[in-house]
């Protein structure tokens, strides 16, 4: 979260300096530019605030790609971890079925 916060401030500051002269009402301050930064980094893209200068568009495209990486990478890691746990649970269930022993559904210990 700290890295995302720093990236948000950095991206919003850059966009403010690039777009302020072209759109002073939209990018009126760095905190106002943070709305654009949040919508772009989270890949929501409401479309109410967007860059119009060539430099702003290039910066926006770069920040959007960073946002995709910030969302897609953790999503893939979490999905992979969930799949590993599901496969591990399936293997344990199959092993228990093959040994035909009864196990406690709460603690997993063998029943006598």
N, C-alpha and C. Protein backbone atom coordinates (compact mmCIF):
# COMPACT_ATOMS: atom_id res chain seq x y z
N UNK A 1 0.83 -1.19 0.00
CA UNK A 1 0.00 0.00 0.00
C UNK A 1 0.87 1.26 0.00
N UNK A 2 2.00 1.18 0.66
CA UNK A 2 2.90 2.33 0.69
C UNK A 2 3.44 2.67 -0.69
N UNK A 3 3.80 1.64 -1.45
CA UNK A 3 4.32 1.84 -2.80
C UNK A 3 3.23 2.45 -3.68
N UNK A 4 2.01 1.96 -3.54
CA UNK A 4 0.89 2.49 -4.33
C UNK A 4 0.64 3.95 -3.96
N UNK A 5 0.71 4.28 -2.68
CA UNK A 5 0.54 5.67 -2.24
C UNK A 5 1.60 6.59 -2.81
N UNK A 6 2.84 6.15 -2.78
CA UNK A 6 3.94 6.94 -3.34
C UNK A 6 3.76 7.10 -4.85
N UNK A 7 3.39 6.02 -5.52
CA UNK A 7 3.15 6.08 -6.96
C UNK A 7 2.01 7.04 -7.29
N UNK A 8 0.96 7.03 -6.48
CA UNK A 8 -0.17 7.93 -6.68
C UNK A 8 0.25 9.39 -6.57
N UNK A 9 0.99 9.72 -5.53
CA UNK A 9 1.46 11.10 -5.35
C UNK A 9 2.40 11.51 -6.49
N UNK A 10 3.30 10.63 -6.85
CA UNK A 10 4.25 10.92 -7.92
C UNK A 10 3.54 11.13 -9.25
N UNK A 11 2.63 10.21 -9.60
CA UNK A 11 1.90 10.31 -10.87
C UNK A 11 1.02 11.54 -10.91
N UNK A 12 0.34 11.82 -9.83
CA UNK A 12 -0.54 12.99 -9.77
C UNK A 12 0.26 14.29 -9.86
N UNK A 13 1.41 14.32 -9.22
CA UNK A 13 2.26 15.51 -9.29
C UNK A 13 2.76 15.75 -10.71
N UNK A 14 3.22 14.69 -11.36
CA UNK A 14 3.68 14.82 -12.74
C UNK A 14 2.55 15.28 -13.66
N UNK A 15 1.39 14.68 -13.49
CA UNK A 15 0.26 15.05 -14.35
C UNK A 15 -0.17 16.49 -14.09
N UNK A 16 -0.10 16.93 -12.86
CA UNK A 16 -0.43 18.33 -12.55
C UNK A 16 0.51 19.28 -13.30
N UNK A 17 1.80 18.99 -13.25
CA UNK A 17 2.76 19.87 -13.91
C UNK A 17 2.66 19.81 -15.43
N UNK A 18 2.26 18.67 -15.98
CA UNK A 18 2.13 18.53 -17.42
C UNK A 18 0.83 19.16 -17.93
N UNK A 19 -0.27 18.98 -17.21
CA UNK A 19 -1.59 19.37 -17.71
C UNK A 19 -2.14 20.68 -17.14
N UNK A 20 -1.53 21.22 -16.11
CA UNK A 20 -2.09 22.41 -15.46
C UNK A 20 -2.23 23.58 -16.42
N UNK A 21 -1.26 23.81 -17.28
CA UNK A 21 -1.34 24.96 -18.18
C UNK A 21 -2.42 24.76 -19.25
N UNK A 22 -2.69 23.53 -19.65
CA UNK A 22 -3.71 23.26 -20.67
C UNK A 22 -5.12 23.16 -20.07
N UNK A 23 -5.22 22.66 -18.84
CA UNK A 23 -6.52 22.48 -18.18
C UNK A 23 -6.45 22.97 -16.73
N UNK A 24 -6.35 24.27 -16.51
CA UNK A 24 -6.20 24.76 -15.14
C UNK A 24 -7.42 24.50 -14.26
N UNK A 25 -8.59 24.35 -14.85
CA UNK A 25 -9.78 24.08 -14.03
C UNK A 25 -9.87 22.61 -13.61
N UNK A 26 -9.37 21.70 -14.42
CA UNK A 26 -9.44 20.27 -14.12
C UNK A 26 -8.27 19.84 -13.24
N UNK A 27 -7.06 20.23 -13.62
CA UNK A 27 -5.86 19.90 -12.85
C UNK A 27 -5.41 21.15 -12.11
N UNK A 28 -6.25 21.58 -11.18
CA UNK A 28 -6.00 22.84 -10.48
C UNK A 28 -4.96 22.72 -9.36
N UNK A 29 -4.76 21.52 -8.86
CA UNK A 29 -3.78 21.29 -7.79
C UNK A 29 -3.37 19.82 -7.82
N UNK A 30 -2.35 19.50 -7.07
CA UNK A 30 -1.92 18.10 -7.00
C UNK A 30 -3.00 17.23 -6.36
N UNK A 31 -3.64 17.66 -5.26
CA UNK A 31 -4.73 16.83 -4.73
C UNK A 31 -5.89 16.66 -5.72
N UNK A 32 -6.18 17.68 -6.51
CA UNK A 32 -7.23 17.53 -7.54
C UNK A 32 -6.80 16.54 -8.61
N UNK A 33 -5.52 16.53 -8.94
CA UNK A 33 -5.00 15.58 -9.93
C UNK A 33 -4.99 14.16 -9.38
N UNK A 34 -5.06 14.01 -8.07
CA UNK A 34 -5.09 12.67 -7.47
C UNK A 34 -6.36 11.91 -7.86
N UNK A 35 -7.45 12.62 -8.13
CA UNK A 35 -8.66 11.94 -8.59
C UNK A 35 -8.37 11.22 -9.91
N UNK A 36 -7.69 11.90 -10.81
CA UNK A 36 -7.29 11.27 -12.06
C UNK A 36 -6.37 10.09 -11.77
N UNK A 37 -5.41 10.29 -10.85
CA UNK A 37 -4.45 9.25 -10.52
C UNK A 37 -5.11 8.00 -9.95
N UNK A 38 -6.08 8.18 -9.08
CA UNK A 38 -6.77 7.04 -8.49
C UNK A 38 -7.56 6.29 -9.56
N UNK A 39 -8.29 7.03 -10.39
CA UNK A 39 -9.09 6.40 -11.45
C UNK A 39 -8.20 5.68 -12.45
N UNK A 40 -7.02 6.19 -12.69
CA UNK A 40 -6.12 5.58 -13.67
C UNK A 40 -5.38 4.38 -13.08
N UNK A 41 -4.81 4.53 -11.88
CA UNK A 41 -4.07 3.43 -11.27
C UNK A 41 -4.95 2.24 -10.93
N UNK A 42 -6.20 2.48 -10.59
CA UNK A 42 -7.10 1.37 -10.29
C UNK A 42 -7.75 0.82 -11.54
N UNK A 43 -7.43 1.37 -12.68
CA UNK A 43 -7.95 1.00 -14.00
C UNK A 43 -9.45 1.16 -14.11
N UNK A 44 -10.05 2.04 -13.31
CA UNK A 44 -11.47 2.32 -13.40
C UNK A 44 -11.74 3.23 -14.59
N UNK A 45 -11.02 4.34 -14.68
CA UNK A 45 -11.12 5.24 -15.82
C UNK A 45 -12.50 5.80 -16.04
N UNK A 46 -13.00 6.63 -15.13
CA UNK A 46 -14.33 7.22 -15.26
C UNK A 46 -14.48 8.07 -16.51
N UNK A 47 -13.44 8.75 -16.92
CA UNK A 47 -13.51 9.58 -18.11
C UNK A 47 -13.90 11.02 -17.85
N UNK A 48 -14.11 11.38 -16.60
CA UNK A 48 -14.46 12.77 -16.29
C UNK A 48 -13.25 13.68 -16.29
N UNK A 49 -12.08 13.15 -15.99
CA UNK A 49 -10.82 13.90 -16.01
C UNK A 49 -9.83 13.09 -16.85
N UNK A 50 -9.27 13.72 -17.87
CA UNK A 50 -8.32 13.02 -18.73
C UNK A 50 -7.36 14.03 -19.34
N UNK A 51 -6.16 13.59 -19.66
CA UNK A 51 -5.16 14.49 -20.25
C UNK A 51 -5.49 14.80 -21.71
N UNK A 52 -5.11 16.01 -22.14
CA UNK A 52 -5.35 16.40 -23.54
C UNK A 52 -4.05 16.73 -24.27
N UNK A 53 -2.97 16.99 -23.56
CA UNK A 53 -1.70 17.30 -24.21
C UNK A 53 -1.01 15.99 -24.60
N UNK A 54 -0.16 16.02 -25.61
CA UNK A 54 0.57 14.79 -25.99
C UNK A 54 1.41 14.22 -24.84
N UNK A 55 2.09 15.10 -24.12
CA UNK A 55 2.90 14.63 -22.98
C UNK A 55 2.00 14.03 -21.90
N UNK A 56 0.85 14.65 -21.66
CA UNK A 56 -0.09 14.13 -20.67
C UNK A 56 -0.65 12.78 -21.08
N UNK A 57 -0.94 12.62 -22.38
CA UNK A 57 -1.45 11.34 -22.86
C UNK A 57 -0.40 10.24 -22.73
N UNK A 58 0.85 10.56 -23.04
CA UNK A 58 1.92 9.56 -22.89
C UNK A 58 2.10 9.19 -21.42
N UNK A 59 2.11 10.20 -20.56
CA UNK A 59 2.23 9.93 -19.13
C UNK A 59 1.04 9.11 -18.64
N UNK A 60 -0.15 9.46 -19.10
CA UNK A 60 -1.35 8.72 -18.71
C UNK A 60 -1.30 7.26 -19.14
N UNK A 61 -0.81 7.01 -20.35
CA UNK A 61 -0.69 5.63 -20.83
C UNK A 61 0.31 4.84 -19.98
N UNK A 62 1.41 5.48 -19.64
CA UNK A 62 2.42 4.82 -18.81
C UNK A 62 1.86 4.50 -17.42
N UNK A 63 1.17 5.46 -16.84
CA UNK A 63 0.59 5.26 -15.50
C UNK A 63 -0.50 4.19 -15.55
N UNK A 64 -1.28 4.16 -16.62
CA UNK A 64 -2.31 3.12 -16.75
C UNK A 64 -1.67 1.73 -16.82
N UNK A 65 -0.57 1.60 -17.55
CA UNK A 65 0.13 0.31 -17.61
C UNK A 65 0.69 -0.08 -16.24
N UNK A 66 1.19 0.89 -15.49
CA UNK A 66 1.65 0.60 -14.13
C UNK A 66 0.49 0.15 -13.25
N UNK A 67 -0.66 0.79 -13.43
CA UNK A 67 -1.84 0.41 -12.66
C UNK A 67 -2.27 -1.01 -12.95
N UNK A 68 -2.21 -1.41 -14.21
CA UNK A 68 -2.57 -2.79 -14.57
C UNK A 68 -1.61 -3.76 -13.88
N UNK A 69 -0.33 -3.42 -13.88
CA UNK A 69 0.66 -4.26 -13.20
C UNK A 69 0.44 -4.32 -11.70
N UNK A 70 0.03 -3.21 -11.13
CA UNK A 70 -0.20 -3.17 -9.67
C UNK A 70 -1.43 -3.99 -9.28
N UNK A 71 -2.38 -4.15 -10.18
CA UNK A 71 -3.58 -4.93 -9.90
C UNK A 71 -3.40 -6.38 -10.36
N UNK A 72 -2.86 -6.58 -11.56
CA UNK A 72 -2.79 -7.92 -12.13
C UNK A 72 -1.78 -8.81 -11.41
N UNK A 73 -0.66 -8.27 -11.03
CA UNK A 73 0.37 -9.08 -10.37
C UNK A 73 -0.11 -9.65 -9.04
N UNK A 74 -0.62 -8.83 -8.12
CA UNK A 74 -1.11 -9.41 -6.86
C UNK A 74 -2.30 -10.35 -7.08
N UNK A 75 -3.15 -10.06 -8.06
CA UNK A 75 -4.28 -10.93 -8.33
C UNK A 75 -3.81 -12.31 -8.78
N UNK A 76 -2.81 -12.35 -9.64
CA UNK A 76 -2.26 -13.62 -10.09
C UNK A 76 -1.60 -14.40 -8.96
N UNK A 77 -0.89 -13.70 -8.10
CA UNK A 77 -0.23 -14.36 -6.96
C UNK A 77 -1.27 -14.95 -6.01
N UNK A 78 -2.32 -14.17 -5.70
CA UNK A 78 -3.36 -14.68 -4.81
C UNK A 78 -4.12 -15.84 -5.45
N UNK A 79 -4.43 -15.73 -6.73
CA UNK A 79 -5.12 -16.81 -7.42
C UNK A 79 -4.31 -18.09 -7.42
N UNK A 80 -3.02 -17.98 -7.65
CA UNK A 80 -2.13 -19.13 -7.64
C UNK A 80 -2.08 -19.78 -6.25
N UNK A 81 -2.01 -18.96 -5.22
CA UNK A 81 -1.97 -19.49 -3.85
C UNK A 81 -3.28 -20.21 -3.51
N UNK A 82 -4.41 -19.64 -3.93
CA UNK A 82 -5.69 -20.31 -3.68
C UNK A 82 -5.75 -21.66 -4.41
N UNK A 83 -5.28 -21.70 -5.65
CA UNK A 83 -5.30 -22.95 -6.41
C UNK A 83 -4.41 -24.00 -5.76
N UNK A 84 -3.26 -23.60 -5.24
CA UNK A 84 -2.38 -24.55 -4.55
C UNK A 84 -3.06 -25.13 -3.33
N UNK A 85 -3.75 -24.30 -2.56
CA UNK A 85 -4.45 -24.79 -1.38
C UNK A 85 -5.60 -25.72 -1.75
N UNK A 86 -6.32 -25.41 -2.82
CA UNK A 86 -7.42 -26.27 -3.26
C UNK A 86 -6.88 -27.63 -3.70
N UNK A 87 -5.79 -27.62 -4.46
CA UNK A 87 -5.18 -28.88 -4.90
C UNK A 87 -4.65 -29.68 -3.71
N UNK A 88 -4.08 -29.01 -2.74
CA UNK A 88 -3.58 -29.69 -1.55
C UNK A 88 -4.73 -30.34 -0.79
N UNK A 89 -5.83 -29.63 -0.66
CA UNK A 89 -7.00 -30.16 0.04
C UNK A 89 -7.58 -31.36 -0.71
N UNK A 90 -7.64 -31.28 -2.04
CA UNK A 90 -8.14 -32.40 -2.84
C UNK A 90 -7.25 -33.63 -2.66
N UNK A 91 -5.93 -33.43 -2.67
CA UNK A 91 -5.00 -34.55 -2.49
C UNK A 91 -5.18 -35.18 -1.12
N UNK A 92 -5.36 -34.37 -0.08
CA UNK A 92 -5.57 -34.91 1.26
C UNK A 92 -6.88 -35.68 1.33
N UNK A 93 -7.93 -35.16 0.69
CA UNK A 93 -9.22 -35.85 0.70
C UNK A 93 -9.13 -37.19 -0.02
N UNK A 94 -8.42 -37.23 -1.15
CA UNK A 94 -8.25 -38.48 -1.88
C UNK A 94 -7.45 -39.49 -1.07
N UNK A 95 -6.41 -39.01 -0.37
CA UNK A 95 -5.59 -39.90 0.46
C UNK A 95 -6.44 -40.49 1.59
N UNK A 96 -7.26 -39.68 2.19
CA UNK A 96 -8.13 -40.17 3.27
C UNK A 96 -9.13 -41.19 2.74
N UNK A 97 -9.67 -40.95 1.55
CA UNK A 97 -10.64 -41.88 0.97
C UNK A 97 -9.98 -43.22 0.65
N UNK A 98 -8.73 -43.18 0.23
CA UNK A 98 -8.03 -44.42 -0.13
C UNK A 98 -7.68 -45.24 1.11
N UNK A 99 -7.36 -44.60 2.21
CA UNK A 99 -7.00 -45.32 3.42
C UNK A 99 -8.24 -45.78 4.18
N UNK A 100 -9.40 -45.25 3.83
CA UNK A 100 -10.69 -45.62 4.42
C UNK A 100 -10.68 -45.50 5.94
N UNK A 101 -10.01 -44.51 6.45
CA UNK A 101 -10.03 -44.24 7.87
C UNK A 101 -10.89 -43.00 8.10
N UNK A 102 -11.51 -42.95 9.25
CA UNK A 102 -12.36 -41.81 9.59
C UNK A 102 -11.53 -40.74 10.28
N UNK A 103 -11.77 -39.51 9.88
CA UNK A 103 -11.08 -38.36 10.46
C UNK A 103 -12.11 -37.37 10.98
N UNK A 104 -11.71 -36.69 12.03
CA UNK A 104 -12.57 -35.64 12.58
C UNK A 104 -12.65 -34.47 11.58
N UNK A 105 -13.85 -34.02 11.22
CA UNK A 105 -13.95 -32.94 10.23
C UNK A 105 -13.48 -31.60 10.77
N UNK A 106 -13.32 -31.49 12.09
CA UNK A 106 -12.93 -30.21 12.70
C UNK A 106 -11.42 -30.08 12.87
N UNK A 107 -10.80 -31.12 13.41
CA UNK A 107 -9.37 -31.03 13.70
C UNK A 107 -8.51 -31.89 12.76
N UNK A 108 -9.12 -32.86 12.06
CA UNK A 108 -8.39 -33.69 11.11
C UNK A 108 -7.69 -34.87 11.73
N UNK A 109 -7.88 -35.12 13.03
CA UNK A 109 -7.23 -36.27 13.65
C UNK A 109 -8.01 -37.54 13.37
N UNK A 110 -7.32 -38.70 13.46
CA UNK A 110 -7.95 -39.98 13.21
C UNK A 110 -8.96 -40.29 14.31
N UNK A 111 -10.09 -40.84 13.92
CA UNK A 111 -11.09 -41.28 14.88
C UNK A 111 -10.82 -42.74 15.23
N UNK A 112 -11.08 -43.11 16.48
CA UNK A 112 -10.81 -44.48 16.93
C UNK A 112 -11.95 -45.39 16.63
